[in-house]
């Protein structure tokens, strides 16, 4: 009798260990949020990561964003008090970024194809990635952009997106990876006036982990990147940018209509572990009308949900 009881107890113990392992694997891949268990996020980071989550800000030499300002904002105790490191993209490798829980990329307009592949690999290994504005919209010397005809049968002989690249005979579809196609930077096609409201951020789902509790309409005053949804990607548009009317630009006799209601916050990949923001994160906090709640929700949504 005692022997049967011991065997049953052992089976229960093994089952609990297997269930715990499965739960940790589902949380690691982002399929389940660590908050599914009360206090689960703190336990997860303590047991698996050895402490509070860590953030890496990866930056380059040009493009939208100020990595030093963002680092200061993330470290501010009245906002997050986060453990944050900054590092130039040229110094990164898959080996030295995998131990970071979240990587934010900004002020990095020029990014090589090999580096785009590195960020994809990082997410595949369980990392979480925040891509901002025009990061990666300039290729490095020797890199090749992907033509529409090379991806789609009967496609046009024109490039798809600066995020759609080639690596030899292989496609590097970073445009599909982040779910949008880059069009232009607003203040490069329209004259901007500092401190003037440009438009409004419209929250499409106020119960989403990145926008929970935010005002449904948020005034916006800074530069941002105009993007369009990538129809070949599986993504969720969390917020759009409402300009009030179509953004129409006349340049050398050519008229371009960028439309209205542009994607502004877009999530993708398994567990929504990749998110694109059309503006650098520090733009939400700078100026006379700071909105730190958006950054707080980014942090909690990516790491504690």
Protein backbone atom coordinates (compact mmCIF):
# COMPACT_ATOMS: atom_id res chain seq x y z
CA UNK A 1 0.00 0.00 0.00
CA UNK A 2 2.77 2.37 0.98
CA UNK A 3 4.67 1.35 -2.16
CA UNK A 4 1.67 2.19 -4.38
CA UNK A 5 1.27 5.53 -2.62
CA UNK A 6 4.95 6.35 -3.17
CA UNK A 7 4.68 5.47 -6.86
CA UNK A 8 1.59 7.65 -7.28
CA UNK A 9 3.28 10.48 -5.46
CA UNK A 10 6.31 10.14 -7.72
CA UNK A 11 4.07 10.19 -10.81
CA UNK A 12 2.32 13.32 -9.55
CA UNK A 13 5.67 14.96 -8.90
CA UNK A 14 6.95 14.12 -12.40
CA UNK A 15 3.71 15.41 -13.91
CA UNK A 16 4.00 18.68 -12.00
CA UNK A 17 7.59 19.12 -13.17
CA UNK A 18 6.56 18.47 -16.79
CA UNK A 19 3.66 20.91 -16.50
CA UNK A 20 5.96 23.52 -14.98
CA UNK A 21 8.45 22.99 -17.80
CA UNK A 22 5.69 23.34 -20.39
CA UNK A 23 4.42 26.50 -18.71
CA UNK A 24 7.90 28.05 -18.69
CA UNK A 25 8.39 27.11 -22.36
CA UNK A 26 5.07 28.72 -23.33
CA UNK A 27 5.97 31.87 -21.40
CA UNK A 28 9.47 31.96 -22.92
CA UNK A 29 8.09 31.79 -26.47
CA UNK A 30 5.43 34.41 -25.70
CA UNK A 31 2.49 32.08 -26.37
CA UNK A 32 1.41 32.62 -22.76
CA UNK A 33 2.08 35.68 -20.65
CA UNK A 34 3.91 35.27 -17.35
CA UNK A 35 1.03 37.11 -15.67
CA UNK A 36 -1.20 34.07 -16.24
CA UNK A 37 -0.09 33.05 -12.74
CA UNK A 38 -0.34 35.65 -9.92
CA UNK A 39 3.19 36.87 -9.32
CA UNK A 40 4.33 34.68 -12.20
CA UNK A 41 6.37 37.39 -13.94
CA UNK A 42 8.49 38.13 -10.87
CA UNK A 43 9.03 34.40 -10.32
CA UNK A 44 9.88 33.87 -14.00
CA UNK A 45 12.53 36.61 -14.12
CA UNK A 46 13.97 35.60 -10.74
CA UNK A 47 14.20 31.86 -11.50
CA UNK A 48 14.93 31.89 -15.24
CA UNK A 49 16.71 35.22 -15.70
CA UNK A 50 18.22 35.70 -12.26
CA UNK A 51 16.70 39.13 -11.63
CA UNK A 52 14.71 41.96 -13.16
CA UNK A 53 14.37 42.03 -16.97
CA UNK A 54 17.15 43.72 -18.93
CA UNK A 55 16.83 46.04 -21.94
CA UNK A 56 19.34 46.71 -24.70
CA UNK A 57 19.07 49.87 -26.80
CA UNK A 58 20.79 49.18 -30.13
CA UNK A 59 21.73 52.30 -32.12
CA UNK A 60 23.61 53.38 -35.22
CA UNK A 61 25.03 56.59 -36.65
CA UNK A 62 21.97 58.22 -38.21
CA UNK A 63 18.20 58.14 -38.35
CA UNK A 64 15.38 59.13 -36.03
CA UNK A 65 15.85 58.82 -32.30
CA UNK A 66 18.22 59.71 -29.47
CA UNK A 67 19.48 56.59 -27.73
CA UNK A 68 21.02 58.53 -24.83
CA UNK A 69 17.75 60.33 -24.13
CA UNK A 70 15.83 57.05 -24.31
CA UNK A 71 18.25 55.40 -21.90
CA UNK A 72 17.74 58.24 -19.40
CA UNK A 73 13.96 57.97 -19.72
CA UNK A 74 13.89 54.20 -19.20
CA UNK A 75 16.14 54.51 -16.15
CA UNK A 76 14.07 57.27 -14.55
CA UNK A 77 12.52 55.94 -11.35
CA UNK A 78 9.33 57.92 -11.90
CA UNK A 79 8.83 56.04 -15.18
CA UNK A 80 10.39 52.54 -15.10
CA UNK A 81 13.73 52.43 -13.32
CA UNK A 82 14.66 49.73 -15.85
CA UNK A 83 18.01 47.94 -16.19
CA UNK A 84 19.16 49.38 -19.51
CA UNK A 85 22.31 49.10 -21.62
CA UNK A 86 23.18 50.94 -24.85
CA UNK A 87 25.38 49.48 -27.56
CA UNK A 88 26.15 50.37 -31.21
CA UNK A 89 24.73 47.88 -33.70
CA UNK A 90 28.16 47.28 -35.24
CA UNK A 91 29.27 45.68 -31.96
CA UNK A 92 26.32 43.32 -31.68
CA UNK A 93 26.25 39.60 -32.36
CA UNK A 94 23.65 36.97 -31.65
CA UNK A 95 25.88 35.80 -28.83
CA UNK A 96 25.90 39.08 -26.92
CA UNK A 97 22.23 40.04 -27.31
CA UNK A 98 20.45 36.77 -26.47
CA UNK A 99 20.68 37.31 -22.71
CA UNK A 100 18.73 40.60 -22.98
CA UNK A 101 14.99 40.26 -22.44
CA UNK A 102 14.10 43.18 -24.72
CA UNK A 103 16.00 44.91 -27.53
CA UNK A 104 14.95 48.37 -28.74
CA UNK A 105 16.37 49.61 -32.06
CA UNK A 106 16.45 53.31 -32.90
CA UNK A 107 18.70 56.01 -34.40
CA UNK A 108 19.88 53.29 -36.78
CA UNK A 109 18.83 54.16 -40.31
CA UNK A 110 21.64 52.15 -41.89
CA UNK A 111 21.53 48.47 -40.97
CA UNK A 112 23.17 45.69 -42.94
CA UNK A 113 21.25 42.64 -44.11
CA UNK A 114 23.32 40.37 -41.86
CA UNK A 115 22.26 42.48 -38.88
CA UNK A 116 18.58 42.27 -39.82
CA UNK A 117 19.00 38.48 -39.85
CA UNK A 118 20.59 38.70 -36.40
CA UNK A 119 17.55 40.47 -34.97
CA UNK A 120 15.24 37.88 -36.56
CA UNK A 121 17.31 35.10 -35.01
CA UNK A 122 17.16 36.85 -31.63
CA UNK A 123 13.35 36.78 -31.70
CA UNK A 124 13.28 33.16 -32.87
CA UNK A 125 15.37 32.30 -29.80
CA UNK A 126 12.77 33.87 -27.53
CA UNK A 127 13.74 37.55 -27.45
CA UNK A 128 11.41 40.51 -27.67
CA UNK A 129 12.08 43.29 -30.17
CA UNK A 130 10.90 46.91 -30.42
CA UNK A 131 11.62 48.45 -33.85
CA UNK A 132 11.16 52.19 -34.28
CA UNK A 133 10.63 54.71 -37.07
CA UNK A 134 13.15 54.52 -39.95
CA UNK A 135 15.56 52.01 -38.42
CA UNK A 136 17.06 49.79 -41.11
CA UNK A 137 15.71 51.74 -44.09
CA UNK A 138 19.22 52.22 -45.54
CA UNK A 139 21.14 49.16 -46.67
CA UNK A 140 24.90 48.78 -46.35
CA UNK A 141 27.28 48.83 -49.28
CA UNK A 142 27.09 45.53 -51.13
CA UNK A 143 23.61 44.66 -49.82
CA UNK A 144 20.81 43.98 -52.30
CA UNK A 145 17.15 44.92 -52.06
CA UNK A 146 14.52 42.36 -53.03
CA UNK A 147 12.45 42.94 -56.16
CA UNK A 148 8.74 42.31 -56.28
CA UNK A 149 9.31 39.91 -59.19
CA UNK A 150 11.75 37.90 -57.06
CA UNK A 151 9.17 37.33 -54.34
CA UNK A 152 5.90 37.17 -56.28
CA UNK A 153 5.23 35.41 -59.55
CA UNK A 154 4.30 38.05 -62.12
CA UNK A 155 5.52 40.81 -59.81
CA UNK A 156 6.98 44.14 -60.91
CA UNK A 157 10.66 44.83 -61.53
CA UNK A 158 10.86 47.22 -58.60
CA UNK A 159 12.00 47.02 -55.01
CA UNK A 160 9.40 46.09 -52.40
CA UNK A 161 10.69 47.87 -49.32
CA UNK A 162 14.07 48.88 -47.87
CA UNK A 163 13.38 46.15 -45.29
CA UNK A 164 13.03 43.46 -47.99
CA UNK A 165 16.55 42.24 -48.76
CA UNK A 166 18.46 39.43 -50.45
CA UNK A 167 21.19 37.29 -48.95
CA UNK A 168 22.67 35.52 -51.94
CA UNK A 169 19.84 33.44 -53.36
CA UNK A 170 17.80 33.69 -50.14
CA UNK A 171 15.18 36.24 -49.22
CA UNK A 172 15.42 38.26 -45.99
CA UNK A 173 11.83 39.43 -45.59
CA UNK A 174 12.25 41.82 -42.67
CA UNK A 175 9.30 43.84 -43.98
CA UNK A 176 7.04 40.85 -43.31
CA UNK A 177 8.82 40.24 -40.02
CA UNK A 178 7.81 43.64 -38.58
CA UNK A 179 4.60 43.83 -40.60
CA UNK A 180 4.92 47.21 -42.34
CA UNK A 181 6.50 48.84 -45.39
CA UNK A 182 8.36 52.13 -44.98
CA UNK A 183 7.25 55.12 -47.07
CA UNK A 184 8.89 58.30 -45.73
CA UNK A 185 9.63 60.42 -42.66
CA UNK A 186 6.94 63.03 -42.09
CA UNK A 187 9.21 66.02 -41.42
CA UNK A 188 11.25 65.27 -44.54
CA UNK A 189 8.23 65.68 -46.82
CA UNK A 190 6.19 68.23 -44.85
CA UNK A 191 7.51 71.31 -43.05
CA UNK A 192 7.26 70.71 -39.31
CA UNK A 193 6.82 73.36 -36.65
CA UNK A 194 8.27 72.40 -33.23
CA UNK A 195 5.58 72.08 -30.57
CA UNK A 196 2.73 72.10 -33.07
CA UNK A 197 0.24 69.25 -33.00
CA UNK A 198 0.63 67.14 -36.14
CA UNK A 199 -2.22 64.74 -35.59
CA UNK A 200 -3.56 62.20 -33.12
CA UNK A 201 -2.72 58.65 -32.17
CA UNK A 202 -5.91 56.62 -32.28
CA UNK A 203 -5.91 53.51 -30.08
CA UNK A 204 -7.71 50.71 -31.92
CA UNK A 205 -7.82 48.31 -28.95
CA UNK A 206 -7.73 49.82 -25.46
CA UNK A 207 -7.61 46.37 -23.85
CA UNK A 208 -4.42 45.36 -25.65
CA UNK A 209 -1.32 44.76 -23.50
CA UNK A 210 0.47 47.77 -25.07
CA UNK A 211 -2.41 50.23 -24.81
CA UNK A 212 -4.39 49.10 -21.77
CA UNK A 213 -5.72 52.11 -19.89
CA UNK A 214 -4.48 54.68 -22.40
CA UNK A 215 -6.68 57.48 -23.68
CA UNK A 216 -8.36 56.43 -26.96
CA UNK A 217 -7.05 59.59 -28.66
CA UNK A 218 -3.59 61.01 -27.91
CA UNK A 219 -2.30 64.30 -29.42
CA UNK A 220 1.08 63.92 -31.12
CA UNK A 221 3.67 66.64 -31.79
CA UNK A 222 6.84 64.98 -33.11
CA UNK A 223 8.34 63.53 -36.26
CA UNK A 224 7.32 60.00 -37.26
CA UNK A 225 7.65 57.53 -40.12
CA UNK A 226 4.84 56.97 -42.58
CA UNK A 227 4.34 53.26 -43.13
CA UNK A 228 1.73 51.01 -44.69
CA UNK A 229 0.61 47.55 -43.58
CA UNK A 230 2.39 44.64 -45.19
CA UNK A 231 -0.39 42.54 -46.69
CA UNK A 232 1.74 39.38 -46.64
CA UNK A 233 2.38 39.59 -42.89
CA UNK A 234 0.27 38.43 -39.96
CA UNK A 235 0.12 41.44 -37.69
CA UNK A 236 -2.18 43.40 -35.41
CA UNK A 237 -2.53 47.18 -35.69
CA UNK A 238 -2.73 48.44 -32.12
CA UNK A 239 -2.81 52.16 -32.93
CA UNK A 240 -3.08 54.35 -36.01
CA UNK A 241 -2.14 57.94 -36.79
CA UNK A 242 -5.01 60.25 -37.71
CA UNK A 243 -3.78 63.25 -39.67
CA UNK A 244 -7.29 64.67 -40.03
CA UNK A 245 -7.08 64.48 -43.81
CA UNK A 246 -4.99 62.71 -46.43
CA UNK A 247 -1.27 63.52 -46.42
CA UNK A 248 -0.70 64.74 -49.99
CA UNK A 249 2.75 65.89 -51.16
CA UNK A 250 3.61 67.57 -54.46
CA UNK A 251 7.25 67.22 -55.49
CA UNK A 252 8.62 68.24 -58.90
CA UNK A 253 5.25 67.81 -60.54
CA UNK A 254 4.59 64.44 -58.93
CA UNK A 255 1.73 64.11 -56.45
CA UNK A 256 1.91 61.41 -53.76
CA UNK A 257 -1.07 60.62 -51.57
CA UNK A 258 0.01 58.86 -48.39
CA UNK A 259 -3.55 58.64 -47.16
CA UNK A 260 -4.78 58.99 -43.59
CA UNK A 261 -5.19 56.65 -40.63
CA UNK A 262 -1.66 55.26 -40.97
CA UNK A 263 -0.34 52.32 -38.88
CA UNK A 264 1.46 53.65 -35.81
CA UNK A 265 1.88 50.73 -33.39
CA UNK A 266 1.94 47.28 -34.98
CA UNK A 267 2.64 43.90 -33.36
CA UNK A 268 3.61 40.60 -34.92
CA UNK A 269 5.27 37.17 -34.59
CA UNK A 270 4.30 34.42 -32.11
CA UNK A 271 3.13 35.90 -28.84
CA UNK A 272 3.38 39.40 -30.35
CA UNK A 273 7.08 39.46 -29.45
CA UNK A 274 7.83 42.07 -32.14
CA UNK A 275 6.34 45.55 -32.08
CA UNK A 276 6.88 48.46 -34.44
CA UNK A 277 6.46 52.07 -33.28
CA UNK A 278 6.37 54.71 -36.03
CA UNK A 279 8.30 57.15 -33.83
CA UNK A 280 11.19 56.87 -31.36
CA UNK A 281 9.88 56.07 -27.88
CA UNK A 282 11.38 59.16 -26.25
CA UNK A 283 9.14 61.36 -28.42
CA UNK A 284 6.22 60.37 -26.21
CA UNK A 285 7.87 61.92 -23.15
CA UNK A 286 9.65 64.95 -24.59
CA UNK A 287 8.04 68.38 -24.93
CA UNK A 288 5.44 70.21 -22.92
CA UNK A 289 2.87 67.39 -23.01
CA UNK A 290 4.68 64.19 -21.96
CA UNK A 291 2.83 60.88 -22.09
CA UNK A 292 4.97 58.42 -20.16
CA UNK A 293 2.07 55.95 -19.93
CA UNK A 294 2.78 54.74 -23.48
CA UNK A 295 6.35 53.79 -22.52
CA UNK A 296 5.17 52.19 -19.28
CA UNK A 297 2.68 50.06 -21.19
CA UNK A 298 5.34 49.10 -23.73
CA UNK A 299 7.53 47.82 -20.88
CA UNK A 300 4.77 45.97 -19.07
CA UNK A 301 3.16 44.71 -22.25
CA UNK A 302 6.36 43.27 -23.69
CA UNK A 303 7.84 41.89 -20.47
CA UNK A 304 5.07 41.38 -17.91
CA UNK A 305 2.06 40.15 -19.91
